[in-house]
Amino acid sequence: MGNSRTIEIAVGVFVVAGLAALFVLAMRVSNITAFQSTEGYTVVGYFQNVGGLRERAEVTLGGVQIGRVTAIALDQERLEARVEMTIDGRYDDLPSDTSASIRTSGLLGEQYVGLEPGGMPDALAEGDEIMLTQSALVLEDIIGQFLYNQASDSDN
C-alpha cells in the first residue's frame, strides 16, 4: 500500500514538472515578453512593406537582440508603415545614420528588424527617425519575378 502511494506521488511530481516545462517552452516560443520590460529609448522607421513583421519582434544588431518592435501602424500622410522600436538603454550610442531592414530568420521563419550602424559621430536619441530603411522581401513577389523571367527567357 505504501509503495503504490510513493509511486503515485512521484508520477504526480513528474506530471507537474512536465506541465511547467511546457508552459516555459510555450512562453519562449511565442515570444511573449509580458514578464519583461524593455527600458530604453524609442526610434521610428518608415517602411513601404513590413511583410509579416509583428509587434514584440526582435530588433538586432550584429545578430544580438538590442530591442523590440513596440508598435506598427500606417502613417496616413506618408502612406507607409510606421514602425516604433524600443532600443535597450545600454545601446545609447548607435550612430544617427544607422539603417534598418526587415529580415527573416531562416527560409520561412519569423521576421525581425536588423540594424546596421553608420559612421556619424552623433547618436540616435528618443523619438529620432531612422532614415535609411529596407522593406521586407515578399516571397510571392520573388517567385513572380522568377516565373516572369523564366517565361520571357523561353520566348527568346
N, C-alpha and C. Protein backbone atom coordinates (compact mmCIF):
# COMPACT_ATOMS: atom_id res chain seq x y z
N MET A 1 0.81 -1.19 0.00
CA MET A 1 0.00 0.00 0.00
C MET A 1 0.86 1.26 0.00
N GLY A 2 1.88 1.29 0.85
CA GLY A 2 2.76 2.44 0.95
C GLY A 2 3.60 2.62 -0.30
N ASN A 3 3.94 1.51 -0.97
CA ASN A 3 4.76 1.57 -2.18
C ASN A 3 3.99 2.20 -3.33
N SER A 4 2.70 1.87 -3.48
CA SER A 4 1.90 2.45 -4.56
C SER A 4 1.66 3.94 -4.31
N ARG A 5 1.53 4.32 -3.05
CA ARG A 5 1.35 5.74 -2.71
C ARG A 5 2.59 6.55 -3.11
N THR A 6 3.78 6.02 -2.90
CA THR A 6 5.03 6.67 -3.29
C THR A 6 5.12 6.81 -4.80
N ILE A 7 4.70 5.79 -5.52
CA ILE A 7 4.72 5.84 -6.99
C ILE A 7 3.74 6.89 -7.49
N GLU A 8 2.56 6.97 -6.90
CA GLU A 8 1.58 7.98 -7.29
C GLU A 8 2.10 9.39 -7.06
N ILE A 9 2.76 9.62 -5.95
CA ILE A 9 3.33 10.94 -5.67
C ILE A 9 4.44 11.26 -6.67
N ALA A 10 5.30 10.29 -6.97
CA ALA A 10 6.38 10.51 -7.94
C ALA A 10 5.83 10.83 -9.32
N VAL A 11 4.78 10.11 -9.74
CA VAL A 11 4.15 10.37 -11.04
C VAL A 11 3.52 11.76 -11.04
N GLY A 12 2.87 12.14 -9.96
CA GLY A 12 2.27 13.47 -9.87
C GLY A 12 3.31 14.58 -9.97
N VAL A 13 4.43 14.43 -9.27
CA VAL A 13 5.52 15.42 -9.35
C VAL A 13 6.06 15.48 -10.77
N PHE A 14 6.21 14.32 -11.41
CA PHE A 14 6.72 14.28 -12.79
C PHE A 14 5.78 15.00 -13.74
N VAL A 15 4.47 14.78 -13.60
CA VAL A 15 3.48 15.43 -14.47
C VAL A 15 3.50 16.95 -14.25
N VAL A 16 3.56 17.41 -13.01
CA VAL A 16 3.59 18.85 -12.72
C VAL A 16 4.86 19.47 -13.31
N ALA A 17 6.00 18.80 -13.17
CA ALA A 17 7.25 19.32 -13.74
C ALA A 17 7.16 19.37 -15.27
N GLY A 18 6.54 18.38 -15.88
CA GLY A 18 6.37 18.38 -17.34
C GLY A 18 5.48 19.51 -17.81
N LEU A 19 4.38 19.75 -17.09
CA LEU A 19 3.49 20.87 -17.45
C LEU A 19 4.19 22.21 -17.28
N ALA A 20 4.97 22.36 -16.23
CA ALA A 20 5.72 23.61 -16.03
C ALA A 20 6.73 23.82 -17.16
N ALA A 21 7.39 22.74 -17.57
CA ALA A 21 8.36 22.85 -18.67
C ALA A 21 7.66 23.23 -19.97
N LEU A 22 6.50 22.66 -20.24
CA LEU A 22 5.74 23.01 -21.45
C LEU A 22 5.29 24.48 -21.42
N PHE A 23 4.89 24.98 -20.25
CA PHE A 23 4.49 26.38 -20.12
C PHE A 23 5.66 27.31 -20.43
N VAL A 24 6.82 27.02 -19.86
CA VAL A 24 8.00 27.85 -20.10
C VAL A 24 8.38 27.80 -21.58
N LEU A 25 8.33 26.62 -22.19
CA LEU A 25 8.64 26.48 -23.61
C LEU A 25 7.67 27.28 -24.47
N ALA A 26 6.38 27.20 -24.13
CA ALA A 26 5.38 27.95 -24.89
C ALA A 26 5.61 29.44 -24.78
N MET A 27 5.99 29.92 -23.62
CA MET A 27 6.25 31.35 -23.45
C MET A 27 7.47 31.79 -24.27
N ARG A 28 8.50 30.96 -24.30
CA ARG A 28 9.71 31.29 -25.06
C ARG A 28 9.44 31.28 -26.56
N VAL A 29 8.72 30.27 -27.03
CA VAL A 29 8.46 30.13 -28.46
C VAL A 29 7.53 31.22 -28.96
N SER A 30 6.52 31.59 -28.16
CA SER A 30 5.56 32.59 -28.60
C SER A 30 6.10 34.00 -28.48
N ASN A 31 7.29 34.16 -27.95
CA ASN A 31 7.95 35.47 -27.90
C ASN A 31 7.17 36.46 -27.03
N ILE A 32 6.47 35.97 -26.01
CA ILE A 32 5.72 36.84 -25.11
C ILE A 32 6.68 37.43 -24.09
N THR A 33 6.62 38.75 -23.97
CA THR A 33 7.53 39.43 -23.04
C THR A 33 6.76 40.16 -21.97
N ALA A 34 5.62 39.62 -21.57
CA ALA A 34 4.81 40.29 -20.55
C ALA A 34 5.55 40.37 -19.22
N PHE A 35 6.47 39.44 -18.99
CA PHE A 35 7.19 39.43 -17.73
C PHE A 35 8.48 40.24 -17.80
N GLN A 36 8.78 40.79 -18.97
CA GLN A 36 9.98 41.60 -19.13
C GLN A 36 9.56 42.99 -19.57
N SER A 37 10.29 43.99 -19.13
CA SER A 37 10.04 45.33 -19.63
C SER A 37 11.33 45.85 -20.26
N THR A 38 11.17 46.42 -21.44
CA THR A 38 12.32 46.95 -22.14
C THR A 38 12.47 48.42 -21.79
N GLU A 39 13.48 48.73 -21.02
CA GLU A 39 13.78 50.11 -20.67
C GLU A 39 14.75 50.64 -21.72
N GLY A 40 14.47 51.80 -22.23
CA GLY A 40 15.36 52.36 -23.23
C GLY A 40 14.73 53.55 -23.92
N TYR A 41 15.07 53.72 -25.18
CA TYR A 41 14.57 54.84 -25.94
C TYR A 41 13.89 54.33 -27.21
N THR A 42 12.94 55.11 -27.72
CA THR A 42 12.16 54.71 -28.88
C THR A 42 12.62 55.46 -30.11
N VAL A 43 12.81 54.72 -31.21
CA VAL A 43 13.11 55.30 -32.50
C VAL A 43 12.06 54.81 -33.50
N VAL A 44 11.94 55.51 -34.62
CA VAL A 44 10.90 55.22 -35.60
C VAL A 44 11.55 54.98 -36.95
N GLY A 45 11.00 54.02 -37.70
CA GLY A 45 11.41 53.78 -39.07
C GLY A 45 10.18 53.65 -39.95
N TYR A 46 10.26 54.11 -41.19
CA TYR A 46 9.15 54.02 -42.14
C TYR A 46 9.53 53.02 -43.23
N PHE A 47 8.62 52.08 -43.49
CA PHE A 47 8.87 51.03 -44.47
C PHE A 47 7.71 50.98 -45.46
N GLN A 48 8.02 50.68 -46.74
CA GLN A 48 6.96 50.54 -47.73
C GLN A 48 6.18 49.25 -47.52
N ASN A 49 6.85 48.21 -47.01
CA ASN A 49 6.18 46.93 -46.78
C ASN A 49 6.83 46.27 -45.58
N VAL A 50 6.03 45.95 -44.56
CA VAL A 50 6.58 45.28 -43.38
C VAL A 50 6.42 43.77 -43.43
N GLY A 51 5.77 43.26 -44.48
CA GLY A 51 5.59 41.82 -44.60
C GLY A 51 4.85 41.26 -43.40
N GLY A 52 5.44 40.25 -42.76
CA GLY A 52 4.82 39.62 -41.60
C GLY A 52 5.40 40.09 -40.28
N LEU A 53 6.02 41.26 -40.26
CA LEU A 53 6.59 41.79 -39.02
C LEU A 53 5.48 42.04 -38.01
N ARG A 54 5.71 41.65 -36.78
CA ARG A 54 4.71 41.80 -35.72
C ARG A 54 5.29 42.60 -34.56
N GLU A 55 4.37 43.15 -33.76
CA GLU A 55 4.81 43.80 -32.52
C GLU A 55 5.51 42.75 -31.66
N ARG A 56 6.46 43.18 -30.85
CA ARG A 56 7.29 42.35 -29.99
C ARG A 56 8.36 41.59 -30.77
N ALA A 57 8.49 41.85 -32.08
CA ALA A 57 9.56 41.21 -32.85
C ALA A 57 10.90 41.77 -32.38
N GLU A 58 11.94 41.00 -32.56
CA GLU A 58 13.27 41.42 -32.12
C GLU A 58 13.82 42.53 -33.00
N VAL A 59 14.63 43.38 -32.39
CA VAL A 59 15.46 44.34 -33.10
C VAL A 59 16.89 43.92 -32.78
N THR A 60 17.66 43.63 -33.83
CA THR A 60 19.00 43.10 -33.61
C THR A 60 20.06 43.99 -34.25
N LEU A 61 21.26 43.85 -33.74
CA LEU A 61 22.44 44.50 -34.30
C LEU A 61 23.55 43.46 -34.26
N GLY A 62 24.03 43.07 -35.42
CA GLY A 62 25.07 42.05 -35.48
C GLY A 62 24.60 40.71 -34.95
N GLY A 63 23.30 40.42 -35.07
CA GLY A 63 22.76 39.16 -34.59
C GLY A 63 22.43 39.13 -33.11
N VAL A 64 22.67 40.23 -32.41
CA VAL A 64 22.40 40.30 -30.97
C VAL A 64 21.14 41.15 -30.76
N GLN A 65 20.21 40.63 -29.98
CA GLN A 65 18.98 41.37 -29.71
C GLN A 65 19.29 42.59 -28.85
N ILE A 66 18.88 43.77 -29.35
CA ILE A 66 19.10 45.00 -28.59
C ILE A 66 17.80 45.74 -28.31
N GLY A 67 16.68 45.20 -28.78
CA GLY A 67 15.41 45.87 -28.56
C GLY A 67 14.25 45.08 -29.11
N ARG A 68 13.08 45.72 -29.12
CA ARG A 68 11.84 45.09 -29.60
C ARG A 68 11.03 46.10 -30.39
N VAL A 69 10.24 45.60 -31.33
CA VAL A 69 9.26 46.42 -32.04
C VAL A 69 8.09 46.64 -31.09
N THR A 70 7.74 47.88 -30.86
CA THR A 70 6.67 48.18 -29.90
C THR A 70 5.36 48.58 -30.56
N ALA A 71 5.39 49.06 -31.80
CA ALA A 71 4.14 49.45 -32.47
C ALA A 71 4.35 49.46 -33.98
N ILE A 72 3.29 49.07 -34.69
CA ILE A 72 3.28 49.14 -36.16
C ILE A 72 1.95 49.76 -36.56
N ALA A 73 2.01 50.81 -37.37
CA ALA A 73 0.79 51.49 -37.81
C ALA A 73 1.02 52.10 -39.18
N LEU A 74 -0.06 52.42 -39.86
CA LEU A 74 0.03 53.08 -41.16
C LEU A 74 0.06 54.59 -40.95
N ASP A 75 1.07 55.25 -41.50
CA ASP A 75 1.15 56.70 -41.46
C ASP A 75 0.28 57.24 -42.59
N GLN A 76 -0.78 57.98 -42.24
CA GLN A 76 -1.75 58.46 -43.23
C GLN A 76 -1.17 59.48 -44.20
N GLU A 77 -0.18 60.24 -43.76
CA GLU A 77 0.41 61.26 -44.62
C GLU A 77 1.40 60.66 -45.61
N ARG A 78 2.26 59.78 -45.13
CA ARG A 78 3.30 59.20 -45.98
C ARG A 78 2.84 57.95 -46.71
N LEU A 79 1.73 57.36 -46.24
CA LEU A 79 1.21 56.09 -46.76
C LEU A 79 2.27 55.00 -46.72
N GLU A 80 2.97 54.95 -45.60
CA GLU A 80 3.97 53.92 -45.34
C GLU A 80 3.73 53.38 -43.94
N ALA A 81 4.27 52.21 -43.69
CA ALA A 81 4.16 51.62 -42.36
C ALA A 81 5.14 52.32 -41.42
N ARG A 82 4.63 52.74 -40.28
CA ARG A 82 5.45 53.38 -39.26
C ARG A 82 5.74 52.35 -38.18
N VAL A 83 7.02 52.04 -37.98
CA VAL A 83 7.43 51.02 -37.03
C VAL A 83 8.19 51.69 -35.89
N GLU A 84 7.65 51.55 -34.67
CA GLU A 84 8.33 52.06 -33.48
C GLU A 84 9.14 50.94 -32.86
N MET A 85 10.39 51.24 -32.53
CA MET A 85 11.28 50.26 -31.92
C MET A 85 11.83 50.83 -30.63
N THR A 86 11.79 50.04 -29.57
CA THR A 86 12.39 50.44 -28.31
C THR A 86 13.74 49.76 -28.20
N ILE A 87 14.79 50.57 -28.12
CA ILE A 87 16.16 50.08 -28.03
C ILE A 87 16.59 50.12 -26.57
N ASP A 88 17.21 49.05 -26.12
CA ASP A 88 17.70 48.95 -24.74
C ASP A 88 18.63 50.13 -24.44
N GLY A 89 18.49 50.69 -23.27
CA GLY A 89 19.27 51.86 -22.87
C GLY A 89 20.78 51.64 -22.87
N ARG A 90 21.22 50.38 -22.80
CA ARG A 90 22.66 50.10 -22.83
C ARG A 90 23.27 50.43 -24.18
N TYR A 91 22.42 50.51 -25.21
CA TYR A 91 22.91 50.77 -26.56
C TYR A 91 22.51 52.18 -27.01
N ASP A 92 22.90 53.15 -26.21
CA ASP A 92 22.53 54.54 -26.49
C ASP A 92 23.53 55.27 -27.36
N ASP A 93 24.47 54.54 -27.95
CA ASP A 93 25.49 55.17 -28.78
C ASP A 93 25.39 54.76 -30.25
N LEU A 94 24.20 54.35 -30.70
CA LEU A 94 24.04 54.00 -32.11
C LEU A 94 24.13 55.26 -32.96
N PRO A 95 24.93 55.24 -34.02
CA PRO A 95 25.07 56.44 -34.87
C PRO A 95 23.73 56.87 -35.47
N SER A 96 23.59 58.15 -35.72
CA SER A 96 22.33 58.70 -36.23
C SER A 96 22.03 58.24 -37.66
N ASP A 97 23.03 57.75 -38.40
CA ASP A 97 22.79 57.26 -39.76
C ASP A 97 22.68 55.73 -39.81
N THR A 98 22.26 55.14 -38.69
CA THR A 98 22.02 53.71 -38.64
C THR A 98 20.89 53.36 -39.61
N SER A 99 21.03 52.24 -40.31
CA SER A 99 19.98 51.80 -41.23
C SER A 99 19.23 50.61 -40.64
N ALA A 100 17.99 50.42 -41.08
CA ALA A 100 17.15 49.34 -40.59
C ALA A 100 16.58 48.57 -41.77
N SER A 101 16.56 47.25 -41.65
CA SER A 101 15.94 46.42 -42.67
C SER A 101 15.15 45.31 -42.01
N ILE A 102 14.08 44.91 -42.67
CA ILE A 102 13.26 43.83 -42.16
C ILE A 102 13.80 42.54 -42.74
N ARG A 103 14.15 41.62 -41.85
CA ARG A 103 14.78 40.37 -42.26
C ARG A 103 13.96 39.19 -41.75
N THR A 104 14.26 38.02 -42.30
CA THR A 104 13.59 36.80 -41.90
C THR A 104 14.62 35.82 -41.37
N SER A 105 14.33 35.23 -40.21
CA SER A 105 15.24 34.23 -39.67
C SER A 105 14.91 32.90 -40.34
N GLY A 106 15.83 32.39 -41.12
CA GLY A 106 15.60 31.15 -41.86
C GLY A 106 14.78 31.41 -43.11
N LEU A 107 14.43 30.33 -43.81
CA LEU A 107 13.70 30.47 -45.07
C LEU A 107 12.27 30.95 -44.85
N LEU A 108 11.58 30.37 -43.88
CA LEU A 108 10.20 30.76 -43.61
C LEU A 108 9.99 31.13 -42.15
N GLY A 109 11.03 31.61 -41.49
CA GLY A 109 10.95 31.93 -40.06
C GLY A 109 10.28 33.27 -39.82
N GLU A 110 10.28 33.68 -38.55
CA GLU A 110 9.65 34.95 -38.20
C GLU A 110 10.53 36.12 -38.62
N GLN A 111 9.90 37.25 -38.79
CA GLN A 111 10.63 38.43 -39.25
C GLN A 111 11.04 39.29 -38.06
N TYR A 112 12.13 40.03 -38.27
CA TYR A 112 12.67 40.91 -37.25
C TYR A 112 13.31 42.10 -37.94
N VAL A 113 13.68 43.12 -37.16
CA VAL A 113 14.34 44.30 -37.70
C VAL A 113 15.84 44.19 -37.41
N GLY A 114 16.64 44.26 -38.45
CA GLY A 114 18.09 44.24 -38.31
C GLY A 114 18.65 45.64 -38.50
N LEU A 115 19.47 46.08 -37.59
CA LEU A 115 20.08 47.40 -37.68
C LEU A 115 21.53 47.27 -38.13
N GLU A 116 21.96 48.22 -38.94
CA GLU A 116 23.36 48.33 -39.39
C GLU A 116 23.86 49.71 -38.98
N PRO A 117 24.89 49.79 -38.15
CA PRO A 117 25.36 51.11 -37.71
C PRO A 117 26.05 51.87 -38.84
N GLY A 118 25.91 53.17 -38.80
CA GLY A 118 26.58 54.03 -39.76
C GLY A 118 27.89 54.55 -39.18
N GLY A 119 28.29 55.73 -39.63
CA GLY A 119 29.56 56.27 -39.18
C GLY A 119 29.49 57.67 -38.61
N MET A 120 28.30 58.20 -38.44
CA MET A 120 28.16 59.56 -37.92
C MET A 120 28.56 59.61 -36.44
N PRO A 121 29.13 60.74 -36.02
CA PRO A 121 29.54 60.85 -34.62
C PRO A 121 28.38 61.05 -33.65
N ASP A 122 27.27 61.65 -34.11
CA ASP A 122 26.15 61.87 -33.19
C ASP A 122 25.28 60.61 -33.13
N ALA A 123 24.65 60.40 -31.98
CA ALA A 123 23.90 59.16 -31.72
C ALA A 123 22.40 59.37 -31.86
N LEU A 124 21.69 58.24 -32.10
CA LEU A 124 20.23 58.26 -32.09
C LEU A 124 19.74 58.60 -30.70
N ALA A 125 18.63 59.32 -30.62
CA ALA A 125 18.05 59.70 -29.34
C ALA A 125 16.56 59.40 -29.36
N GLU A 126 15.91 59.57 -28.24
CA GLU A 126 14.48 59.33 -28.11
C GLU A 126 13.69 60.05 -29.19
N GLY A 127 12.85 59.31 -29.93
CA GLY A 127 11.98 59.89 -30.94
C GLY A 127 12.62 60.11 -32.30
N ASP A 128 13.91 59.83 -32.47
CA ASP A 128 14.56 60.04 -33.76
C ASP A 128 14.01 59.08 -34.80
N GLU A 129 14.17 59.47 -36.07
CA GLU A 129 13.74 58.64 -37.19
C GLU A 129 14.96 58.01 -37.85
N ILE A 130 14.86 56.73 -38.12
CA ILE A 130 15.89 56.04 -38.90
C ILE A 130 15.57 56.31 -40.36
N MET A 131 16.46 57.02 -41.03
CA MET A 131 16.19 57.49 -42.38
C MET A 131 16.38 56.40 -43.45
N LEU A 132 17.35 55.53 -43.26
CA LEU A 132 17.65 54.50 -44.25
C LEU A 132 16.96 53.20 -43.85
N THR A 133 15.92 52.82 -44.61
CA THR A 133 15.19 51.59 -44.29
C THR A 133 15.06 50.74 -45.55
N GLN A 134 14.99 49.44 -45.34
CA GLN A 134 14.77 48.49 -46.42
C GLN A 134 13.59 47.62 -46.04
N SER A 135 12.59 47.58 -46.90
CA SER A 135 11.37 46.84 -46.62
C SER A 135 11.61 45.33 -46.68
N ALA A 136 10.59 44.60 -46.24
CA ALA A 136 10.65 43.14 -46.23
C ALA A 136 10.60 42.61 -47.66
N LEU A 137 11.30 41.51 -47.89
CA LEU A 137 11.19 40.80 -49.15
C LEU A 137 9.96 39.91 -49.07
N VAL A 138 9.08 40.03 -50.05
CA VAL A 138 7.86 39.24 -50.07
C VAL A 138 8.10 38.06 -50.99
N LEU A 139 7.96 36.87 -50.43
CA LEU A 139 8.26 35.63 -51.15
C LEU A 139 7.45 35.52 -52.44
N GLU A 140 6.19 35.93 -52.40
CA GLU A 140 5.34 35.84 -53.59
C GLU A 140 5.88 36.73 -54.71
N ASP A 141 6.39 37.91 -54.36
CA ASP A 141 6.95 38.81 -55.38
C ASP A 141 8.19 38.21 -56.00
N ILE A 142 9.03 37.59 -55.20
CA ILE A 142 10.27 36.98 -55.71
C ILE A 142 9.93 35.82 -56.65
N ILE A 143 8.97 34.99 -56.26
CA ILE A 143 8.56 33.87 -57.10
C ILE A 143 7.96 34.39 -58.40
N GLY A 144 7.14 35.44 -58.31
CA GLY A 144 6.55 36.03 -59.51
C GLY A 144 7.61 36.57 -60.46
N GLN A 145 8.63 37.24 -59.93
CA GLN A 145 9.70 37.75 -60.78
C GLN A 145 10.46 36.60 -61.43
N PHE A 146 10.71 35.54 -60.67
CA PHE A 146 11.41 34.39 -61.19
C PHE A 146 10.62 33.74 -62.33
N LEU A 147 9.31 33.55 -62.13
CA LEU A 147 8.49 32.94 -63.16
C LEU A 147 8.39 33.84 -64.39
N TYR A 148 8.28 35.15 -64.17
CA TYR A 148 8.22 36.10 -65.29
C TYR A 148 9.51 36.05 -66.10
N ASN A 149 10.65 36.00 -65.39
CA ASN A 149 11.94 35.93 -66.09
C ASN A 149 12.07 34.60 -66.84
N GLN A 150 11.60 33.52 -66.28
CA GLN A 150 11.66 32.21 -66.94
C GLN A 150 10.81 32.23 -68.19
N ALA A 151 9.61 32.84 -68.09
CA ALA A 151 8.71 32.90 -69.25
C ALA A 151 9.29 33.77 -70.36
N SER A 152 9.91 34.89 -70.01
CA SER A 152 10.47 35.77 -71.04
C SER A 152 11.74 35.15 -71.64
N ASP A 153 12.50 34.35 -70.87
CA ASP A 153 13.67 33.67 -71.41
C ASP A 153 13.27 32.58 -72.39
N SER A 154 12.15 31.90 -72.16
CA SER A 154 11.72 30.82 -73.04
C SER A 154 11.15 31.37 -74.33
N ASP A 155 10.71 32.64 -74.33
CA ASP A 155 10.19 33.26 -75.54
C ASP A 155 11.30 33.58 -76.52
N ASN A 156 12.53 33.73 -76.04
CA ASN A 156 13.65 34.10 -76.91
C ASN A 156 14.27 32.92 -77.56
